[in-house]
Amino acid sequence: GRKVWIPASDVQELEAWKADRVASEQTLVQTAKRFLGTPYMWGGNTVNYFDCSGFVGFVYMLCGVTLPRNAREQIECGTPVPYDFSQMRPGDLVFFGRNATAQRPRSVTHVGMYIGDGRIIHSSQRVRINSLVPGEEDYYEKECVGVRRILGKK
């Protein structure tokens, strides 16, 4: 119920603001790293707290790309990419959960963003970087259920 004032120069139409954003591998990784250490909270998608899908959605939004809110919806975006570090690019979304079997469908429970060199940045306890390479000290050992490339697929 309070009135506040902000300079007109700090206000912009959403579509004009989005048109000024640059979503590239470099800007996505730089933007994501600004939030290292931010605490995890289920449902969080602000600079104070993030859940996994809120984090990647927020990073992409700051770079001008709108994603659905939940990981199970985000996995339907973009283009499928093999889970192969030689083909994955920084900015690709890496999804975790359980792969489908004859008895049950695939489930998506987590998402992170690939940053290159076999590593992801994601919100799990806090925004952090983990390795996808088995045997490394900070290996994130959850089951990958898909990789999607969002860049170039607005």
N, C-alpha and C. Protein backbone atom coordinates (compact mmCIF):
# COMPACT_ATOMS: atom_id res chain seq x y z
N GLY A 1 0.79 -1.20 0.00
CA GLY A 1 0.00 0.00 0.00
C GLY A 1 0.83 1.26 0.00
N ARG A 2 2.15 1.17 -0.23
CA ARG A 2 2.98 2.36 -0.24
C ARG A 2 3.22 2.80 -1.67
N LYS A 3 3.41 4.08 -1.83
CA LYS A 3 3.80 4.62 -3.13
C LYS A 3 5.31 4.70 -3.18
N VAL A 4 5.85 4.35 -4.34
CA VAL A 4 7.29 4.48 -4.54
C VAL A 4 7.52 5.17 -5.87
N TRP A 5 8.68 5.74 -6.00
CA TRP A 5 9.04 6.44 -7.22
C TRP A 5 10.35 5.87 -7.74
N ILE A 6 10.40 5.67 -9.03
CA ILE A 6 11.64 5.25 -9.66
C ILE A 6 11.88 6.13 -10.87
N PRO A 7 13.13 6.34 -11.24
CA PRO A 7 13.40 7.18 -12.42
C PRO A 7 12.83 6.55 -13.69
N ALA A 8 12.26 7.38 -14.52
CA ALA A 8 11.68 6.90 -15.78
C ALA A 8 12.73 6.18 -16.62
N SER A 9 13.99 6.57 -16.49
CA SER A 9 15.05 5.93 -17.27
C SER A 9 15.29 4.48 -16.84
N ASP A 10 14.76 4.08 -15.67
CA ASP A 10 14.90 2.70 -15.19
C ASP A 10 13.72 1.82 -15.61
N VAL A 11 12.77 2.37 -16.34
CA VAL A 11 11.57 1.63 -16.74
C VAL A 11 11.59 1.45 -18.25
N GLN A 12 11.20 0.25 -18.68
CA GLN A 12 11.18 -0.05 -20.10
C GLN A 12 10.09 -1.08 -20.37
N GLU A 13 9.47 -1.00 -21.53
CA GLU A 13 8.49 -2.01 -21.93
C GLU A 13 9.19 -3.37 -21.97
N LEU A 14 8.50 -4.41 -21.50
CA LEU A 14 9.09 -5.74 -21.42
C LEU A 14 9.64 -6.20 -22.77
N GLU A 15 8.88 -6.05 -23.83
CA GLU A 15 9.35 -6.53 -25.14
C GLU A 15 10.58 -5.76 -25.62
N ALA A 16 10.65 -4.48 -25.33
CA ALA A 16 11.83 -3.69 -25.70
C ALA A 16 13.04 -4.14 -24.87
N TRP A 17 12.80 -4.39 -23.57
CA TRP A 17 13.87 -4.88 -22.72
C TRP A 17 14.39 -6.22 -23.22
N LYS A 18 13.47 -7.14 -23.55
CA LYS A 18 13.88 -8.46 -24.04
C LYS A 18 14.65 -8.35 -25.35
N ALA A 19 14.27 -7.40 -26.20
CA ALA A 19 14.97 -7.23 -27.48
C ALA A 19 16.41 -6.77 -27.28
N ASP A 20 16.69 -6.10 -26.16
CA ASP A 20 18.04 -5.63 -25.86
C ASP A 20 18.93 -6.72 -25.24
N ARG A 21 18.35 -7.83 -24.83
CA ARG A 21 19.10 -8.90 -24.17
C ARG A 21 19.83 -9.72 -25.24
N VAL A 22 20.93 -10.31 -24.84
CA VAL A 22 21.71 -11.17 -25.74
C VAL A 22 21.84 -12.54 -25.08
N ALA A 23 21.22 -13.53 -25.67
CA ALA A 23 21.35 -14.90 -25.17
C ALA A 23 22.41 -15.59 -26.01
N SER A 24 23.58 -15.76 -25.42
CA SER A 24 24.66 -16.49 -26.08
C SER A 24 25.25 -17.44 -25.05
N GLU A 25 26.08 -18.36 -25.49
CA GLU A 25 26.72 -19.27 -24.56
C GLU A 25 27.44 -18.48 -23.46
N GLN A 26 28.16 -17.46 -23.87
CA GLN A 26 28.96 -16.68 -22.93
C GLN A 26 28.08 -15.91 -21.94
N THR A 27 27.04 -15.22 -22.43
CA THR A 27 26.21 -14.43 -21.51
C THR A 27 25.43 -15.33 -20.56
N LEU A 28 25.00 -16.49 -21.02
CA LEU A 28 24.28 -17.41 -20.14
C LEU A 28 25.18 -17.89 -19.00
N VAL A 29 26.40 -18.30 -19.33
CA VAL A 29 27.32 -18.79 -18.30
C VAL A 29 27.71 -17.65 -17.35
N GLN A 30 28.03 -16.48 -17.88
CA GLN A 30 28.39 -15.34 -17.02
C GLN A 30 27.25 -14.98 -16.09
N THR A 31 26.04 -14.93 -16.64
CA THR A 31 24.86 -14.59 -15.83
C THR A 31 24.64 -15.62 -14.73
N ALA A 32 24.72 -16.90 -15.08
CA ALA A 32 24.50 -17.96 -14.09
C ALA A 32 25.52 -17.89 -12.96
N LYS A 33 26.76 -17.64 -13.28
CA LYS A 33 27.81 -17.62 -12.26
C LYS A 33 27.65 -16.48 -11.27
N ARG A 34 26.92 -15.43 -11.66
CA ARG A 34 26.67 -14.33 -10.72
C ARG A 34 25.90 -14.79 -9.49
N PHE A 35 25.21 -15.92 -9.60
CA PHE A 35 24.33 -16.38 -8.52
C PHE A 35 24.93 -17.54 -7.72
N LEU A 36 26.20 -17.87 -7.95
CA LEU A 36 26.84 -18.93 -7.17
C LEU A 36 26.66 -18.67 -5.68
N GLY A 37 26.27 -19.71 -4.96
CA GLY A 37 26.08 -19.60 -3.51
C GLY A 37 24.68 -19.22 -3.09
N THR A 38 23.82 -18.81 -4.02
CA THR A 38 22.45 -18.44 -3.65
C THR A 38 21.75 -19.68 -3.10
N PRO A 39 21.09 -19.55 -1.94
CA PRO A 39 20.45 -20.72 -1.32
C PRO A 39 19.31 -21.30 -2.16
N TYR A 40 19.12 -22.61 -1.99
CA TYR A 40 18.00 -23.33 -2.62
C TYR A 40 16.74 -23.14 -1.76
N MET A 41 15.62 -22.96 -2.43
CA MET A 41 14.32 -23.06 -1.78
C MET A 41 13.34 -23.53 -2.84
N TRP A 42 12.58 -24.57 -2.51
CA TRP A 42 11.59 -25.09 -3.44
C TRP A 42 10.63 -23.97 -3.83
N GLY A 43 10.42 -23.80 -5.13
CA GLY A 43 9.55 -22.75 -5.64
C GLY A 43 10.25 -21.42 -5.83
N GLY A 44 11.52 -21.32 -5.44
CA GLY A 44 12.25 -20.05 -5.52
C GLY A 44 12.67 -19.71 -6.94
N ASN A 45 12.43 -18.48 -7.33
CA ASN A 45 12.92 -18.00 -8.63
C ASN A 45 13.21 -16.50 -8.54
N THR A 46 13.90 -16.13 -7.46
CA THR A 46 14.34 -14.74 -7.27
C THR A 46 15.83 -14.75 -6.93
N VAL A 47 16.44 -13.58 -6.90
CA VAL A 47 17.87 -13.49 -6.58
C VAL A 47 18.16 -13.94 -5.15
N ASN A 48 17.14 -14.07 -4.30
CA ASN A 48 17.34 -14.48 -2.91
C ASN A 48 17.34 -15.99 -2.73
N TYR A 49 16.54 -16.71 -3.51
CA TYR A 49 16.39 -18.16 -3.41
C TYR A 49 16.01 -18.71 -4.78
N PHE A 50 16.55 -19.89 -5.09
CA PHE A 50 16.18 -20.56 -6.35
C PHE A 50 15.92 -22.03 -6.10
N ASP A 51 14.95 -22.59 -6.83
CA ASP A 51 14.95 -24.02 -7.01
C ASP A 51 15.61 -24.28 -8.37
N CYS A 52 15.73 -25.51 -8.79
CA CYS A 52 16.52 -25.80 -9.99
C CYS A 52 15.93 -25.17 -11.25
N SER A 53 14.64 -25.35 -11.47
CA SER A 53 14.03 -24.81 -12.69
C SER A 53 13.86 -23.30 -12.59
N GLY A 54 13.65 -22.78 -11.39
CA GLY A 54 13.58 -21.34 -11.20
C GLY A 54 14.91 -20.68 -11.53
N PHE A 55 16.01 -21.35 -11.18
CA PHE A 55 17.34 -20.82 -11.46
C PHE A 55 17.60 -20.75 -12.97
N VAL A 56 17.44 -21.86 -13.68
CA VAL A 56 17.74 -21.81 -15.12
C VAL A 56 16.76 -20.89 -15.85
N GLY A 57 15.51 -20.87 -15.42
CA GLY A 57 14.53 -19.97 -16.03
C GLY A 57 14.90 -18.51 -15.80
N PHE A 58 15.37 -18.18 -14.59
CA PHE A 58 15.76 -16.81 -14.26
C PHE A 58 16.97 -16.38 -15.09
N VAL A 59 17.96 -17.26 -15.21
CA VAL A 59 19.15 -16.95 -16.01
C VAL A 59 18.76 -16.70 -17.46
N TYR A 60 17.96 -17.58 -18.03
CA TYR A 60 17.52 -17.39 -19.41
C TYR A 60 16.70 -16.12 -19.57
N MET A 61 15.83 -15.83 -18.59
CA MET A 61 15.01 -14.62 -18.65
C MET A 61 15.88 -13.37 -18.66
N LEU A 62 16.94 -13.35 -17.83
CA LEU A 62 17.83 -12.20 -17.82
C LEU A 62 18.55 -12.02 -19.16
N CYS A 63 18.63 -13.10 -19.91
CA CYS A 63 19.25 -13.05 -21.25
C CYS A 63 18.19 -12.92 -22.35
N GLY A 64 16.92 -12.70 -21.97
CA GLY A 64 15.87 -12.41 -22.94
C GLY A 64 15.08 -13.58 -23.45
N VAL A 65 15.23 -14.76 -22.85
CA VAL A 65 14.52 -15.96 -23.31
C VAL A 65 13.60 -16.43 -22.20
N THR A 66 12.33 -16.63 -22.53
CA THR A 66 11.35 -17.09 -21.55
C THR A 66 11.21 -18.60 -21.64
N LEU A 67 11.35 -19.26 -20.50
CA LEU A 67 11.17 -20.71 -20.41
C LEU A 67 9.97 -21.02 -19.53
N PRO A 68 9.36 -22.19 -19.70
CA PRO A 68 8.31 -22.59 -18.75
C PRO A 68 8.89 -22.69 -17.34
N ARG A 69 8.04 -22.71 -16.35
CA ARG A 69 8.48 -22.64 -14.95
C ARG A 69 9.12 -23.93 -14.45
N ASN A 70 8.61 -25.10 -14.81
CA ASN A 70 9.05 -26.36 -14.22
C ASN A 70 9.95 -27.16 -15.14
N ALA A 71 10.85 -27.93 -14.54
CA ALA A 71 11.78 -28.76 -15.31
C ALA A 71 11.04 -29.72 -16.23
N ARG A 72 9.94 -30.30 -15.77
CA ARG A 72 9.21 -31.26 -16.60
C ARG A 72 8.58 -30.58 -17.82
N GLU A 73 8.40 -29.26 -17.78
CA GLU A 73 7.94 -28.50 -18.95
C GLU A 73 9.13 -28.01 -19.76
N GLN A 74 10.20 -27.63 -19.09
CA GLN A 74 11.39 -27.13 -19.79
C GLN A 74 12.01 -28.18 -20.69
N ILE A 75 11.90 -29.45 -20.33
CA ILE A 75 12.50 -30.52 -21.13
C ILE A 75 11.81 -30.66 -22.49
N GLU A 76 10.65 -30.05 -22.64
CA GLU A 76 9.94 -30.08 -23.93
C GLU A 76 10.36 -28.94 -24.84
N CYS A 77 11.19 -28.03 -24.37
CA CYS A 77 11.63 -26.86 -25.15
C CYS A 77 12.88 -27.19 -25.96
N GLY A 78 13.13 -26.37 -26.97
CA GLY A 78 14.38 -26.48 -27.72
C GLY A 78 14.51 -27.74 -28.52
N THR A 79 15.76 -28.15 -28.69
CA THR A 79 16.11 -29.29 -29.53
C THR A 79 16.85 -30.32 -28.71
N PRO A 80 16.54 -31.61 -28.87
CA PRO A 80 17.29 -32.63 -28.13
C PRO A 80 18.75 -32.66 -28.57
N VAL A 81 19.62 -32.91 -27.61
CA VAL A 81 21.07 -33.02 -27.84
C VAL A 81 21.53 -34.30 -27.16
N PRO A 82 22.42 -35.08 -27.78
CA PRO A 82 22.93 -36.28 -27.10
C PRO A 82 23.67 -35.92 -25.81
N TYR A 83 23.60 -36.79 -24.83
CA TYR A 83 24.35 -36.62 -23.58
C TYR A 83 25.79 -37.04 -23.87
N ASP A 84 26.50 -36.12 -24.52
CA ASP A 84 27.85 -36.37 -25.02
C ASP A 84 28.57 -35.03 -24.96
N PHE A 85 29.60 -34.94 -24.12
CA PHE A 85 30.28 -33.65 -23.91
C PHE A 85 30.84 -33.07 -25.19
N SER A 86 31.14 -33.89 -26.18
CA SER A 86 31.67 -33.37 -27.44
C SER A 86 30.59 -32.69 -28.27
N GLN A 87 29.32 -32.97 -27.96
CA GLN A 87 28.22 -32.36 -28.71
C GLN A 87 27.44 -31.32 -27.89
N MET A 88 27.58 -31.37 -26.57
CA MET A 88 26.88 -30.41 -25.72
C MET A 88 27.60 -29.07 -25.76
N ARG A 89 26.81 -27.98 -25.63
CA ARG A 89 27.34 -26.62 -25.67
C ARG A 89 26.94 -25.89 -24.39
N PRO A 90 27.78 -24.93 -23.94
CA PRO A 90 27.36 -24.13 -22.79
C PRO A 90 25.98 -23.50 -23.03
N GLY A 91 25.15 -23.56 -22.01
CA GLY A 91 23.78 -23.07 -22.12
C GLY A 91 22.77 -24.18 -22.32
N ASP A 92 23.21 -25.36 -22.77
CA ASP A 92 22.28 -26.49 -22.90
C ASP A 92 21.74 -26.85 -21.53
N LEU A 93 20.49 -27.25 -21.47
CA LEU A 93 19.89 -27.68 -20.21
C LEU A 93 20.03 -29.19 -20.08
N VAL A 94 20.46 -29.63 -18.91
CA VAL A 94 20.67 -31.05 -18.63
C VAL A 94 19.64 -31.45 -17.57
N PHE A 95 18.84 -32.46 -17.90
CA PHE A 95 17.74 -32.87 -17.03
C PHE A 95 18.05 -34.21 -16.37
N PHE A 96 17.59 -34.34 -15.13
CA PHE A 96 17.84 -35.53 -14.34
C PHE A 96 16.52 -36.08 -13.81
N GLY A 97 16.53 -37.35 -13.47
CA GLY A 97 15.34 -38.02 -12.94
C GLY A 97 15.47 -39.50 -13.17
N ARG A 98 14.40 -40.12 -13.74
CA ARG A 98 14.41 -41.55 -14.08
C ARG A 98 14.01 -41.70 -15.53
N ASN A 99 14.80 -42.47 -16.27
CA ASN A 99 14.45 -42.75 -17.66
C ASN A 99 13.28 -43.71 -17.70
N ALA A 100 12.57 -43.69 -18.80
CA ALA A 100 11.39 -44.54 -18.98
C ALA A 100 11.79 -46.01 -19.08
N THR A 101 10.93 -46.84 -18.57
CA THR A 101 11.05 -48.29 -18.75
C THR A 101 9.70 -48.77 -19.24
N ALA A 102 9.60 -50.06 -19.49
CA ALA A 102 8.31 -50.62 -19.91
C ALA A 102 7.26 -50.47 -18.81
N GLN A 103 7.73 -50.40 -17.55
CA GLN A 103 6.80 -50.33 -16.41
C GLN A 103 6.43 -48.91 -16.00
N ARG A 104 7.26 -47.91 -16.35
CA ARG A 104 6.97 -46.54 -15.88
C ARG A 104 7.47 -45.52 -16.90
N PRO A 105 6.82 -44.36 -16.93
CA PRO A 105 7.26 -43.29 -17.84
C PRO A 105 8.49 -42.57 -17.26
N ARG A 106 9.14 -41.80 -18.12
CA ARG A 106 10.27 -40.97 -17.67
C ARG A 106 9.76 -39.95 -16.66
N SER A 107 10.59 -39.66 -15.65
CA SER A 107 10.25 -38.58 -14.73
C SER A 107 11.42 -37.60 -14.71
N VAL A 108 11.09 -36.31 -14.66
CA VAL A 108 12.09 -35.25 -14.62
C VAL A 108 12.00 -34.62 -13.24
N THR A 109 13.12 -34.65 -12.51
CA THR A 109 13.10 -34.12 -11.14
C THR A 109 14.10 -32.99 -10.91
N HIS A 110 15.00 -32.75 -11.88
CA HIS A 110 16.04 -31.73 -11.66
C HIS A 110 16.56 -31.24 -13.01
N VAL A 111 17.03 -29.99 -13.03
CA VAL A 111 17.64 -29.42 -14.24
C VAL A 111 18.83 -28.56 -13.84
N GLY A 112 19.84 -28.60 -14.67
CA GLY A 112 21.01 -27.74 -14.53
C GLY A 112 21.39 -27.22 -15.90
N MET A 113 22.32 -26.29 -15.94
CA MET A 113 22.78 -25.73 -17.21
C MET A 113 24.23 -26.13 -17.44
N TYR A 114 24.49 -26.69 -18.61
CA TYR A 114 25.84 -27.09 -18.97
C TYR A 114 26.70 -25.84 -19.17
N ILE A 115 27.93 -25.86 -18.61
CA ILE A 115 28.81 -24.70 -18.76
C ILE A 115 30.10 -25.05 -19.50
N GLY A 116 30.19 -26.27 -19.99
CA GLY A 116 31.38 -26.72 -20.71
C GLY A 116 32.28 -27.58 -19.83
N ASP A 117 33.21 -28.27 -20.47
CA ASP A 117 34.20 -29.10 -19.77
C ASP A 117 33.57 -30.14 -18.85
N GLY A 118 32.41 -30.67 -19.23
CA GLY A 118 31.77 -31.71 -18.43
C GLY A 118 31.20 -31.22 -17.12
N ARG A 119 30.81 -29.93 -17.05
CA ARG A 119 30.34 -29.35 -15.80
C ARG A 119 28.97 -28.68 -15.99
N ILE A 120 28.20 -28.67 -14.90
CA ILE A 120 26.92 -27.96 -14.87
C ILE A 120 26.91 -26.97 -13.73
N ILE A 121 26.08 -25.95 -13.88
CA ILE A 121 25.74 -25.05 -12.78
C ILE A 121 24.27 -25.28 -12.52
N HIS A 122 23.91 -25.42 -11.24
CA HIS A 122 22.52 -25.77 -10.91
C HIS A 122 22.24 -25.37 -9.46
N SER A 123 20.96 -25.37 -9.11
CA SER A 123 20.56 -25.07 -7.75
C SER A 123 20.19 -26.38 -7.06
N SER A 124 21.08 -26.82 -6.18
CA SER A 124 20.88 -28.02 -5.38
C SER A 124 21.55 -27.73 -4.03
N GLN A 125 20.76 -27.43 -3.02
CA GLN A 125 21.19 -26.92 -1.72
C GLN A 125 21.58 -25.45 -1.82
N ARG A 126 22.27 -25.10 -2.89
CA ARG A 126 22.64 -23.72 -3.23
C ARG A 126 23.03 -23.75 -4.70
N VAL A 127 23.16 -22.59 -5.33
CA VAL A 127 23.64 -22.57 -6.71
C VAL A 127 25.12 -22.95 -6.66
N ARG A 128 25.46 -23.98 -7.41
CA ARG A 128 26.82 -24.51 -7.37
C ARG A 128 27.17 -25.15 -8.71
N ILE A 129 28.44 -25.46 -8.86
CA ILE A 129 28.95 -26.12 -10.06
C ILE A 129 29.35 -27.53 -9.67
N ASN A 130 28.95 -28.50 -10.49
CA ASN A 130 29.33 -29.89 -10.30
C ASN A 130 29.82 -30.49 -11.60
N SER A 131 30.58 -31.56 -11.47
CA SER A 131 31.06 -32.29 -12.63
C SER A 131 30.06 -33.37 -13.02
N LEU A 132 30.00 -33.64 -14.31
CA LEU A 132 29.22 -34.76 -14.82
C LEU A 132 30.13 -35.93 -15.17
N VAL A 133 31.40 -35.81 -14.83
CA VAL A 133 32.39 -36.83 -15.16
C VAL A 133 32.54 -37.79 -13.98
N PRO A 134 32.18 -39.06 -14.17
CA PRO A 134 32.31 -40.03 -13.07
C PRO A 134 33.75 -40.07 -12.55
N GLY A 135 33.87 -40.18 -11.23
CA GLY A 135 35.17 -40.26 -10.61
C GLY A 135 35.72 -38.92 -10.12
N GLU A 136 35.19 -37.81 -10.63
CA GLU A 136 35.65 -36.52 -10.14
C GLU A 136 35.06 -36.26 -8.76
N GLU A 137 35.79 -35.50 -7.95
CA GLU A 137 35.41 -35.27 -6.56
C GLU A 137 34.01 -34.67 -6.42
N ASP A 138 33.65 -33.76 -7.30
CA ASP A 138 32.35 -33.09 -7.21
C ASP A 138 31.34 -33.66 -8.22
N TYR A 139 31.46 -34.95 -8.53
CA TYR A 139 30.58 -35.62 -9.50
C TYR A 139 29.13 -35.58 -9.03
N TYR A 140 28.25 -35.16 -9.94
CA TYR A 140 26.81 -35.17 -9.68
C TYR A 140 26.26 -36.46 -10.28
N GLU A 141 25.96 -37.43 -9.43
CA GLU A 141 25.72 -38.78 -9.90
C GLU A 141 24.26 -39.12 -10.19
N LYS A 142 23.40 -38.15 -10.38
CA LYS A 142 22.01 -38.44 -10.71
C LYS A 142 21.90 -38.88 -12.17
N GLU A 143 20.83 -39.59 -12.48
CA GLU A 143 20.62 -40.13 -13.83
C GLU A 143 20.14 -39.04 -14.80
N CYS A 144 20.89 -38.85 -15.88
CA CYS A 144 20.49 -37.88 -16.91
C CYS A 144 19.35 -38.48 -17.72
N VAL A 145 18.29 -37.67 -17.92
CA VAL A 145 17.15 -38.13 -18.72
C VAL A 145 16.98 -37.32 -20.00
N GLY A 146 17.87 -36.35 -20.23
CA GLY A 146 17.79 -35.60 -21.47
C GLY A 146 18.59 -34.32 -21.42
N VAL A 147 18.98 -33.86 -22.59
CA VAL A 147 19.68 -32.59 -22.77
C VAL A 147 18.95 -31.83 -23.86
N ARG A 148 18.71 -30.55 -23.64
CA ARG A 148 18.01 -29.74 -24.63
C ARG A 148 18.80 -28.46 -24.91
N ARG A 149 18.87 -28.12 -26.19
CA ARG A 149 19.50 -26.87 -26.61
C ARG A 149 18.39 -25.85 -26.84
N ILE A 150 18.47 -24.77 -26.09
CA ILE A 150 17.48 -23.70 -26.18
C ILE A 150 17.95 -22.61 -27.14
N LEU A 151 19.24 -22.29 -27.13
CA LEU A 151 19.75 -21.22 -28.01
C LEU A 151 19.43 -21.52 -29.46
N GLY A 152 18.97 -20.49 -30.15
CA GLY A 152 18.61 -20.64 -31.56
C GLY A 152 17.20 -21.16 -31.75
N LYS A 153 16.44 -21.36 -30.65
CA LYS A 153 15.08 -21.92 -30.73
C LYS A 153 14.08 -21.06 -29.98
N LYS A 154 14.16 -19.73 -30.12
CA LYS A 154 13.26 -18.82 -29.39
C LYS A 154 11.82 -19.12 -29.69
